[in-house]
Amino acid sequence: MAASLLLAGCGASSGASDSDKQAVAGFFPLAWVTQEVAGDGWEVTNLTQPGGEPHDLGLSIAATADLDEADVIVFEHEFQPAVDDAIENVSDATLVDAAEAVELRSLEEGHEDEEEHGDSGTDPHFWQDPLLMADLGDAVAEGLADVDGENAATYRANADELRGELEQLDADFTEGLADCERDTVVVSHEAFGYLERYGLRFEGIAGLSPDAEPTPAVLGELEDLIAAEGITTVFSERLASPAMAESLAGDAGVETAVLDPIEGPGEGDDASDYVALMQQNLAALQRANGC
């Protein structure tokens, strides 16, 4: 039921619902957590449409109306500027800001696109860490309880159950990546830094923004790294063009595969299941790195 409701929320914004309680989330991981914690009594709307790039979200009139009518809004401050602006101008909802609910990872110095991307020196892609997703679940439970105190115990229990599931996912990554032949992974853009705590090192062709263009020097350095480390795979991603990854892989003589940043829902039977999408990423990393 949660999956079907989330899929409905990922469709066109409607501004109307059969549910008395409305929650709006900025993009897929936030919407998934919100629906898991809220259960059937809430209508959860995802502002980012399937196939859309959440970084560059622009809000329609209908989406702005959804924000205006929402009881709870789950967002990540500075990740989607259009959402930040709309919340400031139209909303009096209870706000759950993921940037405050979880401890964001500090970026190393040297990212030229930090200021342009609006990340204020932190990596916004926290949902790659299952334990941080569990922390968000706790914050969502408190936000929902603020609106619907009668069911506060249910929301907190749902968040506890979600934490157990995410702790198991964390254990799967820890065990699955514990004994790899290689630990360096080349990806399209720097969306996977939170996975480094499992013993991997990620090198992005682009920076934090998937649309950034790498310099010839960066491409040359990555080609040398691939040869030196025996890297077998350059990863592209689902919501961005694979051209950069395919070009680098072709020049280096290695394969390409997809590693999903999980910024939007996937495809197939597990399209709306964050855990299933993360498990697919785990399997891809294991194949590429000889784990």
Foldseek 3Di string as FASTA:
>chain_A
DLLVLLLVLLADQDLDDPAPAEEEEAFQLQQSLLSLLVDDRYRYHHQAHFLGDSQADDGDPSRLSSQLPHQEYEYAPQSRVNVVVSCVPRHPHQYQHLPVQFPFAFDDPDQPCPVVSRPVRTQPLVVLQLQSSLSSQCSSLVSVCVVVVVCSVSSNVSSVVSNVVSVVLNVCLLVLLVDFQAAEAEEQEPLNVVSCVSVHHYDHQHYSDSPHHHDPVSLVVVLVVCVVRVFAEHEYEDSHDCVVRVVSCVVSVHYYDYQYSPRHFDDDPCRSPPSVSSVVNSVVCCVRGVD
